[in-house]
Amino acid sequence: MSTIEIKAEQYPLGKVFSNDFVFKIPLYQRPYAWDKEQAEELLDDLITALGDTSGDIDDINPYFLGSIVLIEEKTNYQVVDGQQRLTTLTILIAAIRHLACDEIANELTTYLYQKGGIFDGKKSVYRLTLRDKDNEFFKKYIQEGNISFLNELSDKTLNDSCRHLKKNALALVEKLKSLSKMQLQRLGQFIIQRCVLVVVSTPDADSAYRIFSVMNNRGLDLSHADIFKADIIGNIPTHEQEKYTKIWEELEEKLGREEFKSLFAYMRMICGKSKQREGIIKEFYKDVNPNPKNFPQQFIQKYLTPFANALYDIQKQNYECDRYNFEINRSFYWLQNIDNSDWIPPAIYFFSKEYTNPLLLMKFFADLERLASGLMIFRANFNERIERYSELLKAIEAGDDLYLPDSPLQLKQEEKENILKILDGNLYLMKKIRKYILLRLDSTLSEGEAIFKLPTITIEHVLPQNPSLDSEWMQNFTEQERENYVHRLGNLVLLSDCKNSEAKNYDFATKKEKYFLSKTTGTCSFALTSQVLMEHEWTPEIIDKHQQNYVSKLKEVWRLREHQ
């Protein structure tokens, strides 16, 4: 019986993007999905790894880009895992080429595709071929060097993956413009020569998928908690091991296995107060220093137990005290609805330090929710958030006054202005933040009492996006007014039921009766929607009134005025 050979080799990117490999994304793979923030984070990490030195590139430590899993075929390799990285790296090389001089640009092109020749009759061979729906766009604008034409393309004409390709290419070019020609060349050399991928390949599809499953479900990154446990518990004296094993396992069960694993990254951030740049295991031992050979029990007592309990209370909104329970747990609720978890380390740290002081907790978490909401609303990227929360951790540790205007806990005036601009703009088009803002507003209108645990919550327009030509909407609003008002905060409501999409175009009176009220109870679940029901008509003036009222309410909630 023949055996299946599995190969795993580490290669520099210059070898990966060479004649040795021709990568193809299979049709069944999901489309390219990395967003601008992820692409910029990769570039930031590479620039940081390169550093400011001017020595030989070969003397710089290699930068590990991760691994890819391939099915090896006669003429190419199908990518089972690694599409997002390979595509983004291709975009990055193309972006560097776009800004480089002709000589360097021509050389960089060889890492994107091998040009065919008129005389040898060979066709161009592209290092990476995406799915059919995206590949022509990828070839034309990225691989073949037409990035400058991307600005002319309307997002409306592109599918989601091509929009990601466009936005990431333009974003990387913009960030690279800050580099000199020499820095740009040096970055290109570093990427090609010192950035490495582990390439895992097999000619058998089943083997490839098993490898993918193991790497994504039982790899080191997903089992580091078990490694820490074996090391730390193993260095506790034998007669105490059972006691501390029980403490460890009870905490893991309390949090759940996945969240317990995340706790170690949060602890590393609390202690290191900086972005993780290497593997979690190495950095955890460096920053947390559990010191298992001397007194591992102290790590479990000082770090693991209080931080695990703090995380549990925050996530379950489970704080109990004789005062301010509601206010503190309400802040926990809104923090849980933030679209990232970067706020959690300072939350754990402050909560565990001040657990017995509910007044301080109430004040801190109200401001932390304000900060986290603000960073989310104006779309601060990952590196910006981590830097801010690092500074906050340092301020907490130093015992600084966190309520002075220049504290990292407080929003800066420029940040307040950015938030207000977004709130007063076409909010509905901000897909990642619109529901959070509307729910936060609705809770404020109901005097902070509302906590939303409905199975379905949808956002609807009062003035429809596409009203029928014979409707009253066409009479009450000019075309310019419809364009100006339709996506504004003052024209949006929340509904708890899935509605018939055709009914969205009802005239206002009918829409109130048949669309905005629950079919079962005949009432409305949301204060925001109830305010609309009190109106007898819906005009530009009415929308303006609601818009000003809502923005004013959110100004109060998040203290967005100049000297707040």
Protein backbone atom coordinates (compact mmCIF):
# COMPACT_ATOMS: atom_id res chain seq x y z
CA MET A 1 0.00 0.00 0.00
CA SER A 2 1.43 3.38 -1.01
CA THR A 3 1.90 6.02 1.66
CA ILE A 4 1.05 9.69 1.39
CA GLU A 5 4.06 11.96 1.74
CA ILE A 6 3.60 15.14 3.75
CA LYS A 7 6.22 17.85 3.26
CA ALA A 8 6.82 20.80 5.54
CA GLU A 9 9.54 23.29 4.66
CA GLN A 10 10.36 26.84 5.71
CA TYR A 11 10.91 29.19 2.79
CA PRO A 12 11.64 32.91 2.42
CA LEU A 13 8.94 34.77 0.54
CA GLY A 14 11.22 35.14 -2.46
CA LYS A 15 11.20 31.35 -2.79
CA VAL A 16 7.44 31.09 -2.19
CA PHE A 17 6.74 33.60 -4.96
CA SER A 18 9.01 31.96 -7.52
CA ASN A 19 8.78 29.45 -10.36
CA ASP A 20 8.79 26.68 -7.74
CA PHE A 21 5.19 27.40 -6.79
CA VAL A 22 2.06 28.36 -8.71
CA PHE A 23 -0.80 28.88 -6.26
CA LYS A 24 -4.47 28.53 -7.11
CA ILE A 25 -7.42 29.30 -4.84
CA PRO A 26 -10.05 26.54 -5.29
CA LEU A 27 -13.62 27.53 -6.13
CA TYR A 28 -14.95 26.24 -2.80
CA GLN A 29 -12.82 28.68 -0.78
CA ARG A 30 -14.48 31.79 0.63
CA PRO A 31 -13.51 35.03 -1.14
CA TYR A 32 -10.74 37.36 -0.03
CA ALA A 33 -11.95 38.98 3.20
CA TRP A 34 -9.11 40.79 4.96
CA ASP A 35 -10.08 44.36 5.70
CA LYS A 36 -8.00 47.54 5.70
CA GLU A 37 -7.17 47.25 9.40
CA GLN A 38 -5.70 43.75 9.01
CA ALA A 39 -3.63 44.74 5.97
CA GLU A 40 -2.28 47.84 7.73
CA GLU A 41 -1.49 45.80 10.83
CA LEU A 42 0.60 43.38 8.75
CA LEU A 43 2.55 46.26 7.23
CA ASP A 44 3.06 47.90 10.64
CA ASP A 45 4.38 44.62 12.02
CA LEU A 46 6.82 44.20 9.13
CA ILE A 47 8.12 47.76 9.48
CA THR A 48 8.58 47.21 13.22
CA ALA A 49 10.40 43.91 12.64
CA LEU A 50 12.69 45.55 10.08
CA GLY A 51 13.64 48.27 12.53
CA ASP A 52 15.71 51.39 11.88
CA THR A 53 19.11 49.76 11.46
CA SER A 54 21.06 50.20 8.26
CA GLY A 55 23.12 47.03 8.40
CA ASP A 56 23.04 43.96 6.21
CA ILE A 57 19.55 42.56 5.61
CA ASP A 58 20.90 39.07 6.30
CA ASP A 59 21.70 40.11 9.87
CA ILE A 60 18.06 40.91 10.70
CA ASN A 61 16.10 38.20 12.48
CA PRO A 62 13.68 36.35 10.18
CA TYR A 63 10.02 37.31 10.48
CA PHE A 64 7.61 34.35 10.64
CA LEU A 65 4.51 34.91 8.54
CA GLY A 66 2.80 31.67 9.58
CA SER A 67 2.06 28.54 7.62
CA ILE A 68 0.10 27.59 4.54
CA VAL A 69 -1.41 24.21 3.66
CA LEU A 70 -1.38 23.06 0.04
CA ILE A 71 -2.57 20.21 -2.15
CA GLU A 72 0.23 19.48 -4.59
CA GLU A 73 -0.85 18.88 -8.19
CA LYS A 74 1.15 18.36 -11.37
CA THR A 75 1.49 21.99 -12.37
CA ASN A 76 0.30 23.98 -9.37
CA TYR A 77 -0.72 23.97 -5.73
CA GLN A 78 -4.26 24.36 -4.42
CA VAL A 79 -4.35 26.55 -1.31
CA VAL A 80 -6.29 24.85 1.51
CA ASP A 81 -5.19 27.36 4.15
CA GLY A 82 -3.33 30.63 3.67
CA GLN A 83 -5.32 32.43 0.99
CA GLN A 84 -5.72 35.64 2.98
CA ARG A 85 -1.99 35.93 3.76
CA LEU A 86 -0.81 35.07 0.25
CA THR A 87 -3.21 37.56 -1.29
CA THR A 88 -2.33 40.37 1.13
CA LEU A 89 1.40 39.76 0.65
CA THR A 90 0.88 39.97 -3.11
CA ILE A 91 -0.94 43.29 -2.64
CA LEU A 92 1.89 44.56 -0.43
CA ILE A 93 4.59 43.68 -2.97
CA ALA A 94 2.49 45.34 -5.69
CA ALA A 95 2.11 48.46 -3.51
CA ILE A 96 5.89 48.70 -2.99
CA ARG A 97 6.43 48.22 -6.71
CA HIS A 98 3.92 51.00 -7.43
CA LEU A 99 6.10 53.51 -5.53
CA ALA A 100 9.53 52.16 -6.49
CA CYS A 101 11.81 53.22 -9.32
CA ASP A 102 11.59 51.33 -12.63
CA GLU A 103 14.56 49.04 -11.98
CA ILE A 104 13.26 47.85 -8.61
CA ALA A 105 9.68 47.72 -9.92
CA ASN A 106 10.72 45.39 -12.73
CA GLU A 107 12.46 43.08 -10.28
CA LEU A 108 9.48 43.04 -7.91
CA THR A 109 7.21 42.10 -10.80
CA THR A 110 8.93 38.70 -10.99
CA TYR A 111 7.49 37.90 -7.55
CA LEU A 112 3.98 38.64 -8.82
CA TYR A 113 4.07 36.96 -12.21
CA GLN A 114 6.49 35.62 -14.77
CA LYS A 115 6.00 37.56 -17.99
CA GLY A 116 5.47 35.58 -21.15
CA GLY A 117 7.50 36.32 -24.25
CA ILE A 118 6.62 37.18 -27.83
CA PHE A 119 9.41 35.06 -29.23
CA ASP A 120 9.24 32.02 -26.97
CA GLY A 121 5.43 31.92 -27.28
CA LYS A 122 4.94 31.42 -23.54
CA LYS A 123 2.02 32.95 -21.64
CA SER A 124 2.50 34.91 -18.46
CA VAL A 125 2.44 32.74 -15.35
CA TYR A 126 0.88 34.34 -12.27
CA ARG A 127 2.22 33.32 -8.85
CA LEU A 128 -1.27 33.39 -7.34
CA THR A 129 -4.62 32.84 -9.06
CA LEU A 130 -7.76 33.78 -7.15
CA ARG A 131 -11.27 32.46 -7.65
CA ASP A 132 -12.73 33.11 -11.10
CA LYS A 133 -15.00 35.95 -9.89
CA ASP A 134 -12.07 37.95 -8.55
CA ASN A 135 -9.08 36.87 -10.60
CA GLU A 136 -9.33 39.21 -13.59
CA PHE A 137 -9.62 42.19 -11.25
CA PHE A 138 -6.67 40.89 -9.20
CA LYS A 139 -4.51 40.39 -12.29
CA LYS A 140 -5.30 43.72 -13.89
CA TYR A 141 -5.08 46.06 -10.92
CA ILE A 142 -2.74 44.29 -8.52
CA GLN A 143 -0.40 41.88 -10.28
CA GLU A 144 -0.03 43.79 -13.55
CA GLY A 145 0.55 47.14 -11.87
CA ASN A 146 -2.55 49.28 -12.41
CA ILE A 147 -3.07 50.34 -8.81
CA SER A 148 -3.26 54.02 -9.83
CA PHE A 149 -6.56 53.31 -11.63
CA LEU A 150 -8.27 51.89 -8.54
CA ASN A 151 -9.40 55.33 -7.35
CA GLU A 152 -11.49 55.65 -10.49
CA LEU A 153 -13.55 52.56 -9.66
CA SER A 154 -16.85 52.93 -7.82
CA ASP A 155 -17.35 50.53 -4.93
CA LYS A 156 -20.92 50.00 -6.15
CA THR A 157 -19.61 48.17 -9.23
CA LEU A 158 -17.43 45.77 -7.24
CA ASN A 159 -18.20 42.63 -5.26
CA ASP A 160 -17.10 42.41 -1.61
CA SER A 161 -13.76 40.71 -2.24
CA CYS A 162 -12.77 43.16 -5.00
CA ARG A 163 -13.68 46.05 -2.69
CA HIS A 164 -11.31 44.57 -0.11
CA LEU A 165 -8.59 44.21 -2.75
CA LYS A 166 -9.07 47.83 -3.82
CA LYS A 167 -9.20 49.35 -0.33
CA ASN A 168 -6.24 47.36 0.97
CA ALA A 169 -4.08 48.23 -2.04
CA LEU A 170 -4.84 51.95 -1.72
CA ALA A 171 -4.38 51.88 2.07
CA LEU A 172 -0.98 50.17 1.83
CA VAL A 173 0.19 52.58 -0.86
CA GLU A 174 -0.85 55.50 1.32
CA LYS A 175 1.07 54.17 4.35
CA LEU A 176 4.14 53.36 2.25
CA LYS A 177 4.30 56.94 0.94
CA SER A 178 5.73 57.98 4.31
CA LEU A 179 8.88 55.95 3.57
CA SER A 180 11.85 57.27 1.63
CA LYS A 181 12.96 55.49 -1.56
CA MET A 182 15.79 53.84 0.37
CA GLN A 183 13.46 52.73 3.18
CA LEU A 184 11.03 51.38 0.61
CA GLN A 185 13.77 49.38 -1.10
CA ARG A 186 15.01 48.06 2.23
CA LEU A 187 11.49 47.01 3.25
CA GLY A 188 11.12 45.15 -0.05
CA GLN A 189 14.43 43.36 0.53
CA PHE A 190 13.36 42.40 4.04
CA ILE A 191 10.03 41.01 2.86
CA ILE A 192 11.57 38.99 0.03
CA GLN A 193 14.65 37.72 1.87
CA ARG A 194 13.85 37.56 5.60
CA CYS A 195 10.09 36.96 5.83
CA VAL A 196 9.39 33.24 5.93
CA LEU A 197 6.44 30.89 5.54
CA VAL A 198 6.17 27.26 6.52
CA VAL A 199 4.79 25.48 3.48
CA VAL A 200 2.98 22.22 4.29
CA SER A 201 2.03 20.20 1.22
CA THR A 202 0.60 16.81 0.35
CA PRO A 203 -0.74 15.34 -2.91
CA ASP A 204 -3.81 14.02 -1.08
CA ALA A 205 -6.79 16.28 -0.36
CA ASP A 206 -7.93 14.35 2.73
CA SER A 207 -4.47 14.63 4.25
CA ALA A 208 -4.40 18.36 3.55
CA TYR A 209 -7.73 18.92 5.29
CA ARG A 210 -6.64 16.83 8.29
CA ILE A 211 -3.48 18.91 8.56
CA PHE A 212 -5.56 22.08 8.33
CA SER A 213 -7.88 20.81 11.06
CA VAL A 214 -5.01 19.91 13.39
CA MET A 215 -3.25 23.22 12.87
CA ASN A 216 -6.41 25.20 13.53
CA ASN A 217 -7.90 23.14 16.36
CA ARG A 218 -5.05 21.48 18.21
CA GLY A 219 -2.07 23.70 17.45
CA LEU A 220 0.12 25.40 20.04
CA ASP A 221 -1.76 28.66 19.82
CA LEU A 222 -4.96 26.91 20.90
CA SER A 223 -3.42 24.79 23.64
CA HIS A 224 -0.97 27.13 25.35
CA ALA A 225 -3.09 27.03 28.52
CA ASP A 226 -2.39 23.30 28.76
CA ILE A 227 1.33 23.93 28.33
CA PHE A 228 1.32 26.54 31.10
CA LYS A 229 -0.65 24.21 33.35
CA ALA A 230 1.77 21.31 32.90
CA ASP A 231 4.76 23.56 33.56
CA ILE A 232 3.41 25.54 36.50
CA ILE A 233 1.55 22.74 38.32
CA GLY A 234 4.47 20.40 37.61
CA ASN A 235 6.81 22.68 39.59
CA ILE A 236 4.58 22.83 42.66
CA PRO A 237 5.62 20.49 45.48
CA THR A 238 3.90 17.12 45.14
CA HIS A 239 1.88 17.42 48.33
CA GLU A 240 0.27 20.67 47.08
CA GLN A 241 -0.29 19.74 43.43
CA GLU A 242 -3.78 18.36 43.92
CA LYS A 243 -4.92 21.56 45.67
CA TYR A 244 -3.66 23.87 42.92
CA THR A 245 -4.78 21.57 40.13
CA LYS A 246 -8.30 21.80 41.51
CA ILE A 247 -8.11 25.63 41.65
CA TRP A 248 -6.82 25.76 38.05
CA GLU A 249 -9.46 23.40 36.68
CA GLU A 250 -12.32 25.10 38.52
CA LEU A 251 -11.31 28.44 37.01
CA GLU A 252 -11.09 26.90 33.55
CA GLU A 253 -14.53 25.37 33.91
CA LYS A 254 -15.96 28.61 35.26
CA LEU A 255 -14.75 30.65 32.28
CA GLY A 256 -15.04 27.98 29.62
CA ARG A 257 -12.06 26.53 27.78
CA GLU A 258 -11.86 29.12 25.00
CA GLU A 259 -12.16 32.16 27.25
CA PHE A 260 -9.71 30.62 29.72
CA LYS A 261 -7.13 30.42 26.94
CA SER A 262 -7.76 34.06 26.09
CA LEU A 263 -7.11 34.98 29.72
CA PHE A 264 -3.39 34.25 29.30
CA ALA A 265 -3.13 36.77 26.46
CA TYR A 266 -4.95 39.32 28.63
CA MET A 267 -2.55 38.65 31.52
CA ARG A 268 0.42 39.07 29.20
CA MET A 269 -0.94 42.44 28.06
CA ILE A 270 -1.56 43.55 31.66
CA CYS A 271 2.00 42.72 32.64
CA GLY A 272 3.80 43.57 29.39
CA LYS A 273 1.71 46.65 28.53
CA SER A 274 2.65 46.37 24.87
CA LYS A 275 1.58 44.65 21.70
CA GLN A 276 2.41 40.95 21.45
CA ARG A 277 5.12 40.55 18.79
CA GLU A 278 6.17 36.94 19.21
CA GLY A 279 4.46 33.71 20.24
CA ILE A 280 2.18 33.82 23.28
CA ILE A 281 4.23 31.20 25.14
CA LYS A 282 7.54 33.06 24.83
CA GLU A 283 6.05 36.46 25.63
CA PHE A 284 3.93 35.16 28.51
CA TYR A 285 6.99 33.81 30.29
CA LYS A 286 8.91 37.01 29.56
CA ASP A 287 6.22 39.48 30.64
CA VAL A 288 4.20 37.67 33.31
CA ASN A 289 7.16 35.72 34.69
CA PRO A 290 5.18 33.06 36.57
CA ASN A 291 8.57 31.86 37.88
CA PRO A 292 7.42 28.24 38.28
CA LYS A 293 10.72 26.94 39.63
CA ASN A 294 10.66 29.22 42.67
CA PHE A 295 7.09 29.77 43.75
CA PRO A 296 4.51 28.81 41.14
CA GLN A 297 1.75 28.93 43.77
CA GLN A 298 2.15 32.72 43.82
CA PHE A 299 1.27 32.95 40.14
CA ILE A 300 -2.01 31.11 40.74
CA GLN A 301 -2.81 33.24 43.77
CA LYS A 302 -1.66 36.64 42.47
CA TYR A 303 -2.58 36.46 38.80
CA LEU A 304 -4.65 33.53 37.68
CA THR A 305 -7.35 33.51 40.36
CA PRO A 306 -8.12 37.25 40.70
CA PHE A 307 -7.88 37.89 36.95
CA ALA A 308 -10.06 34.89 36.07
CA ASN A 309 -12.69 35.95 38.60
CA ALA A 310 -12.57 39.53 37.33
CA LEU A 311 -13.03 38.38 33.73
CA TYR A 312 -15.97 36.20 34.74
CA ASP A 313 -17.76 39.02 36.58
CA ILE A 314 -17.19 41.45 33.71
CA GLN A 315 -18.41 39.09 31.02
CA LYS A 316 -21.41 37.84 33.01
CA GLN A 317 -22.24 41.35 34.33
CA ASN A 318 -22.12 39.69 37.70
CA TYR A 319 -20.72 42.33 40.08
CA GLU A 320 -22.36 42.24 43.49
CA CYS A 321 -22.03 44.89 46.16
CA ASP A 322 -24.29 47.01 48.31
CA ARG A 323 -24.03 50.04 45.96
CA TYR A 324 -23.89 50.84 42.25
CA ASN A 325 -24.43 47.25 41.09
CA PHE A 326 -26.75 48.29 38.30
CA GLU A 327 -24.53 51.06 36.96
CA ILE A 328 -21.37 48.91 36.97
CA ASN A 329 -23.03 45.88 35.36
CA ARG A 330 -24.67 48.14 32.78
CA SER A 331 -21.21 49.39 31.74
CA PHE A 332 -20.09 45.76 31.48
CA TYR A 333 -23.07 45.08 29.21
CA TRP A 334 -22.17 47.85 26.77
CA LEU A 335 -18.49 46.91 26.79
CA GLN A 336 -19.48 43.38 25.80
CA ASN A 337 -21.08 44.86 22.69
CA ILE A 338 -17.86 46.54 21.51
CA ASP A 339 -16.58 44.87 18.33
CA ASN A 340 -13.13 44.06 19.76
CA SER A 341 -11.72 42.70 23.01
CA ASP A 342 -8.74 45.05 23.35
CA TRP A 343 -10.39 46.87 26.28
CA ILE A 344 -10.48 43.72 28.42
CA PRO A 345 -6.94 43.81 29.94
CA PRO A 346 -7.35 47.27 31.57
CA ALA A 347 -10.87 46.25 32.62
CA ILE A 348 -9.57 43.12 34.36
CA TYR A 349 -6.66 44.97 35.94
CA PHE A 350 -8.68 47.85 37.38
CA PHE A 351 -11.56 45.62 38.49
CA SER A 352 -9.27 43.24 40.38
CA LYS A 353 -7.44 46.15 42.05
CA GLU A 354 -10.55 48.07 43.11
CA TYR A 355 -13.06 45.27 43.58
CA THR A 356 -14.14 46.52 47.01
CA ASN A 357 -14.60 50.15 45.91
CA PRO A 358 -17.85 50.31 43.91
CA LEU A 359 -17.77 54.11 43.53
CA LEU A 360 -14.38 53.95 41.80
CA LEU A 361 -15.53 51.02 39.68
CA MET A 362 -18.65 52.85 38.55
CA LYS A 363 -16.67 55.94 37.53
CA PHE A 364 -13.89 54.01 35.78
CA PHE A 365 -16.10 51.66 33.78
CA ALA A 366 -18.39 54.46 32.64
CA ASP A 367 -15.32 56.17 31.18
CA LEU A 368 -13.85 52.94 29.81
CA GLU A 369 -17.11 52.25 27.94
CA ARG A 370 -16.96 55.82 26.62
CA LEU A 371 -13.37 55.33 25.42
CA ALA A 372 -13.97 51.89 23.89
CA SER A 373 -17.13 53.14 22.16
CA GLY A 374 -15.30 56.16 20.81
CA LEU A 375 -12.37 54.13 19.45
CA MET A 376 -14.85 51.78 17.79
CA ILE A 377 -16.97 54.56 16.30
CA PHE A 378 -14.12 56.42 14.60
CA ARG A 379 -12.57 53.06 13.62
CA ALA A 380 -9.23 53.30 15.41
CA ASN A 381 -7.13 50.45 14.05
CA PHE A 382 -5.70 47.60 16.09
CA ASN A 383 -2.31 49.21 16.69
CA GLU A 384 -3.90 52.50 17.77
CA ARG A 385 -6.17 50.70 20.23
CA ILE A 386 -3.37 48.60 21.69
CA GLU A 387 -1.18 51.67 22.14
CA ARG A 388 -4.00 53.50 23.92
CA TYR A 389 -4.82 50.62 26.25
CA SER A 390 -1.09 50.08 26.94
CA GLU A 391 -0.86 53.68 28.12
CA LEU A 392 -3.98 53.19 30.22
CA LEU A 393 -2.50 50.11 31.89
CA LYS A 394 0.64 52.09 32.73
CA ALA A 395 -1.46 54.91 34.18
CA ILE A 396 -3.47 52.48 36.33
CA GLU A 397 -0.28 50.86 37.62
CA ALA A 398 1.31 54.24 38.41
CA GLY A 399 -1.78 55.41 40.29
CA ASP A 400 -2.23 58.41 37.97
CA ASP A 401 -5.35 60.55 38.06
CA LEU A 402 -7.35 58.91 35.27
CA TYR A 403 -9.85 61.76 35.05
CA LEU A 404 -7.54 64.56 33.99
CA PRO A 405 -8.08 65.69 30.37
CA ASP A 406 -4.74 64.27 29.19
CA SER A 407 -5.30 60.82 30.73
CA PRO A 408 -5.33 57.91 28.26
CA LEU A 409 -8.77 57.03 29.66
CA GLN A 410 -10.24 60.29 28.37
CA LEU A 411 -11.23 61.12 24.80
CA LYS A 412 -9.20 63.88 23.18
CA GLN A 413 -10.94 66.88 21.65
CA GLU A 414 -10.08 65.75 18.11
CA GLU A 415 -11.54 62.32 18.88
CA LYS A 416 -14.77 63.86 20.17
CA GLU A 417 -15.07 65.91 16.98
CA ASN A 418 -14.54 62.80 14.83
CA ILE A 419 -17.24 60.92 16.75
CA LEU A 420 -19.72 63.79 16.41
CA LYS A 421 -19.03 64.02 12.68
CA ILE A 422 -19.89 60.34 12.29
CA LEU A 423 -23.00 60.59 14.47
CA ASP A 424 -24.25 63.53 12.41
CA GLY A 425 -23.49 61.86 9.06
CA ASN A 426 -24.89 58.94 7.08
CA LEU A 427 -24.82 56.55 10.03
CA TYR A 428 -26.66 53.70 8.32
CA LEU A 429 -23.73 53.26 5.92
CA MET A 430 -21.40 52.56 8.89
CA LYS A 431 -22.28 48.89 9.07
CA LYS A 432 -19.97 47.92 11.93
CA ILE A 433 -21.18 50.54 14.39
CA ARG A 434 -24.73 51.53 13.44
CA LYS A 435 -26.62 48.99 15.54
CA TYR A 436 -24.46 49.61 18.62
CA ILE A 437 -25.09 53.36 18.40
CA LEU A 438 -28.84 52.93 17.90
CA LEU A 439 -29.12 50.50 20.81
CA ARG A 440 -27.07 52.81 23.01
CA LEU A 441 -29.30 55.71 22.04
CA ASP A 442 -32.46 53.68 22.63
CA SER A 443 -31.24 52.74 26.09
CA THR A 444 -30.63 56.43 26.84
CA LEU A 445 -34.11 57.39 25.66
CA SER A 446 -35.51 54.78 28.06
CA GLU A 447 -33.42 56.36 30.85
CA GLY A 448 -30.76 53.66 30.75
CA GLU A 449 -33.06 50.84 31.75
CA ALA A 450 -33.16 48.91 28.47
CA ILE A 451 -31.00 45.79 28.10
CA PHE A 452 -31.53 44.12 24.74
CA LYS A 453 -31.66 40.33 24.57
CA LEU A 454 -34.11 39.93 21.71
CA PRO A 455 -33.33 37.15 19.17
CA THR A 456 -33.72 39.51 16.20
CA ILE A 457 -33.12 43.25 16.03
CA THR A 458 -33.18 45.03 12.69
CA ILE A 459 -32.52 48.61 11.63
CA GLU A 460 -35.15 50.20 9.43
CA HIS A 461 -35.57 53.50 7.59
CA VAL A 462 -38.67 55.59 8.18
CA LEU A 463 -38.19 57.45 4.90
CA PRO A 464 -37.56 54.40 2.64
CA GLN A 465 -34.37 53.99 0.66
CA ASN A 466 -36.29 53.38 -2.58
CA PRO A 467 -39.82 54.80 -2.31
CA SER A 468 -42.26 54.07 -5.12
CA LEU A 469 -42.86 56.87 -7.61
CA ASP A 470 -46.52 57.34 -6.63
CA SER A 471 -45.91 57.45 -2.86
CA GLU A 472 -46.28 60.42 -0.53
CA TRP A 473 -42.52 60.21 0.10
CA MET A 474 -41.93 61.56 -3.40
CA GLN A 475 -44.22 64.50 -2.67
CA ASN A 476 -42.82 65.35 0.77
CA PHE A 477 -39.12 65.04 -0.11
CA THR A 478 -37.15 66.33 -3.06
CA GLU A 479 -34.54 64.00 -4.54
CA GLN A 480 -31.78 65.96 -2.80
CA GLU A 481 -33.62 65.80 0.53
CA ARG A 482 -34.07 62.03 0.23
CA GLU A 483 -30.37 61.66 -0.44
CA ASN A 484 -29.46 63.94 2.48
CA TYR A 485 -31.79 62.41 5.08
CA VAL A 486 -32.41 58.75 4.31
CA HIS A 487 -29.35 57.31 6.11
CA ARG A 488 -29.22 59.81 8.99
CA LEU A 489 -29.67 58.85 12.62
CA GLY A 490 -32.93 60.79 12.82
CA ASN A 491 -34.49 58.60 10.11
CA LEU A 492 -33.59 55.22 11.61
CA VAL A 493 -35.58 52.97 13.94
CA LEU A 494 -35.14 49.57 15.57
CA LEU A 495 -37.53 46.66 15.12
CA SER A 496 -37.70 43.34 16.93
CA ASP A 497 -39.41 41.41 14.11
CA CYS A 498 -38.32 40.47 10.62
CA LYS A 499 -40.54 42.45 8.27
CA ASN A 500 -41.68 41.99 4.70
CA SER A 501 -39.18 43.94 2.61
CA GLU A 502 -41.92 45.22 0.30
CA ALA A 503 -43.70 46.84 3.25
CA LYS A 504 -40.76 49.18 3.82
CA ASN A 505 -42.21 51.47 1.15
CA TYR A 506 -45.57 52.00 2.87
CA ASP A 507 -46.68 55.62 3.28
CA PHE A 508 -45.99 56.95 6.77
CA ALA A 509 -49.41 56.39 8.38
CA THR A 510 -49.67 52.83 7.08
CA LYS A 511 -46.07 52.09 7.98
CA LYS A 512 -46.66 53.14 11.58
CA GLU A 513 -49.67 50.89 11.90
CA LYS A 514 -48.53 47.79 10.01
CA TYR A 515 -44.76 47.91 10.09
CA PHE A 516 -43.51 49.53 13.28
CA LEU A 517 -45.79 47.71 15.72
CA SER A 518 -45.38 44.10 16.86
CA LYS A 519 -47.78 41.70 15.15
CA THR A 520 -48.32 39.83 18.40
CA THR A 521 -48.58 42.57 21.03
CA GLY A 522 -49.50 45.64 18.97
CA THR A 523 -46.80 47.62 20.79
CA CYS A 524 -43.25 48.70 20.10
CA SER A 525 -40.21 47.28 21.93
CA PHE A 526 -37.98 50.31 21.43
CA ALA A 527 -38.11 53.86 22.77
CA LEU A 528 -36.50 55.07 19.54
CA THR A 529 -39.32 53.65 17.45
CA SER A 530 -41.98 54.86 19.89
CA GLN A 531 -40.83 58.43 19.30
CA VAL A 532 -41.52 58.00 15.59
CA LEU A 533 -44.99 56.61 16.32
CA MET A 534 -45.89 59.86 18.09
CA GLU A 535 -45.35 61.87 14.91
CA HIS A 536 -48.32 62.64 12.61
CA GLU A 537 -46.15 63.15 9.54
CA TRP A 538 -42.58 62.56 8.44
CA THR A 539 -40.86 65.48 6.75
CA PRO A 540 -37.33 66.89 6.48
CA GLU A 541 -38.12 69.20 9.40
CA ILE A 542 -39.21 66.26 11.57
CA ILE A 543 -36.06 64.31 10.73
CA ASP A 544 -33.97 67.38 11.59
CA LYS A 545 -35.71 67.62 14.95
CA HIS A 546 -35.03 63.97 15.77
CA GLN A 547 -31.47 64.20 14.46
CA GLN A 548 -30.59 67.13 16.69
CA ASN A 549 -32.27 65.53 19.69
CA TYR A 550 -30.52 62.19 19.21
CA VAL A 551 -27.06 63.66 18.65
CA SER A 552 -27.59 65.85 21.71
CA LYS A 553 -28.52 62.77 23.78
CA LEU A 554 -25.40 60.93 22.66
CA LYS A 555 -23.30 64.00 23.41
CA GLU A 556 -24.54 63.75 26.99
CA VAL A 557 -24.00 59.98 27.21
CA TRP A 558 -20.41 60.11 25.97
CA ARG A 559 -19.61 63.68 27.14
CA LEU A 560 -18.61 64.90 23.71
CA ARG A 561 -18.78 68.62 24.32
CA GLU A 562 -15.56 70.62 24.28
CA HIS A 563 -14.70 70.75 27.99
CA GLN A 564 -16.22 67.47 29.15
